[in-house]
Amino acid sequence: MLLHSAAVLMRDGMAVWRHTETATLRVRRLSDSFIDSYLDREWPAVSGCVGVFRIEALGVQLFETIEGSHFTVLGMPLLALLGALRAQGELAA
């Protein structure tokens, strides 16, 4: 599974910085009983989540491997964004 995340900084209606990142998640082989147990414990909290999981909760157990930034999986390329904000002078360097 590929998860894509992006951020854009705007100034005066113009994009001054853009960044995208991709994380690769490999789902492990899951038994029906594990899936049932997972959904019993996590529903309805995951019902509105992309992929029906929250990586910061029990959803991490769905995966065999995760490659890429944790923040990308959460939905925001945060480290790159913070670097851009520092470069723009919006955060202390």
Protein backbone atom coordinates (compact mmCIF):
# COMPACT_ATOMS: atom_id res chain seq x y z
CA MET A 1 0.00 0.00 0.00
CA LEU A 2 1.31 3.45 -0.87
CA LEU A 3 0.34 6.46 1.20
CA HIS A 4 0.96 9.86 -0.35
CA SER A 5 1.19 13.06 1.65
CA ALA A 6 1.68 16.64 0.52
CA ALA A 7 1.94 20.17 1.86
CA VAL A 8 2.00 23.59 0.23
CA LEU A 9 2.96 26.94 1.71
CA MET A 10 1.12 29.92 0.26
CA ARG A 11 1.98 33.61 0.43
CA ASP A 12 -0.21 36.31 -1.11
CA GLY A 13 -2.19 33.68 -3.03
CA MET A 14 0.93 32.11 -4.55
CA ALA A 15 2.49 28.75 -3.75
CA VAL A 16 6.01 29.42 -2.42
CA TRP A 17 6.83 25.83 -1.46
CA ARG A 18 5.48 22.40 -2.34
CA HIS A 19 6.48 18.98 -1.09
CA THR A 20 5.21 15.42 -1.49
CA GLU A 21 6.27 12.22 0.23
CA THR A 22 5.25 8.59 -0.11
CA ALA A 23 5.34 5.86 2.51
CA THR A 24 5.14 2.18 1.62
CA LEU A 25 3.23 -0.11 3.97
CA ARG A 26 3.19 -3.87 3.52
CA VAL A 27 0.15 -5.52 5.10
CA ARG A 28 0.97 -8.80 6.83
CA ARG A 29 -1.09 -11.96 6.34
CA LEU A 30 -4.12 -11.50 8.58
CA SER A 31 -6.41 -14.20 9.93
CA ASP A 32 -10.15 -13.68 9.93
CA SER A 33 -10.14 -13.88 13.73
CA PHE A 34 -7.50 -11.12 13.96
CA ILE A 35 -9.49 -8.88 11.62
CA ASP A 36 -12.69 -9.48 13.60
CA SER A 37 -10.91 -8.76 16.89
CA TYR A 38 -9.23 -5.64 15.46
CA LEU A 39 -12.50 -4.22 14.17
CA ASP A 40 -14.33 -5.05 17.42
CA ARG A 41 -11.70 -3.09 19.36
CA GLU A 42 -11.15 -0.17 16.95
CA TRP A 43 -14.60 0.46 15.47
CA PRO A 44 -16.03 3.13 15.15
CA ALA A 45 -12.81 5.13 15.67
CA VAL A 46 -11.31 3.83 12.40
CA SER A 47 -14.50 4.09 10.35
CA GLY A 48 -13.48 7.48 8.97
CA CYS A 49 -9.78 6.72 8.56
CA VAL A 50 -8.16 6.09 5.19
CA GLY A 51 -7.39 2.36 5.08
CA VAL A 52 -9.52 1.79 8.22
CA PHE A 53 -6.51 1.99 10.54
CA ARG A 54 -4.75 4.38 12.85
CA ILE A 55 -1.02 3.74 12.84
CA GLU A 56 -0.74 5.26 16.31
CA ALA A 57 -3.16 2.69 17.73
CA LEU A 58 -3.73 -1.04 17.15
CA GLY A 59 -3.53 -0.49 13.39
CA VAL A 60 0.25 -0.78 13.48
CA GLN A 61 -0.27 -4.53 14.02
CA LEU A 62 -1.73 -4.79 10.50
CA PHE A 63 1.68 -4.26 8.90
CA GLU A 64 4.73 -6.37 8.25
CA THR A 65 6.91 -3.42 7.18
CA ILE A 66 6.60 0.34 6.93
CA GLU A 67 9.06 2.36 4.85
CA GLY A 68 8.99 6.12 5.01
CA SER A 69 8.34 8.84 7.53
CA HIS A 70 5.95 8.22 10.40
CA PHE A 71 4.55 11.69 9.78
CA THR A 72 3.82 10.83 6.15
CA VAL A 73 1.77 7.88 7.36
CA LEU A 74 -0.08 10.24 9.70
CA GLY A 75 -0.88 12.46 6.70
CA MET A 76 1.59 15.35 6.83
CA PRO A 77 5.22 15.56 5.66
CA LEU A 78 5.92 17.37 8.91
CA LEU A 79 9.73 17.38 8.98
CA ALA A 80 9.94 18.84 5.47
CA LEU A 81 7.25 21.39 6.33
CA LEU A 82 9.07 22.49 9.46
CA GLY A 83 12.29 22.87 7.44
CA ALA A 84 10.47 24.99 4.87
CA LEU A 85 8.97 27.19 7.58
CA ARG A 86 12.45 27.72 9.03
CA ALA A 87 13.81 28.53 5.57
CA GLN A 88 10.99 31.06 5.07
CA GLY A 89 11.83 32.67 8.42
CA GLU A 90 8.52 31.66 9.98
CA LEU A 91 10.18 29.45 12.63
CA ALA A 92 13.40 29.94 14.54
CA ALA A 93 16.33 28.28 12.79
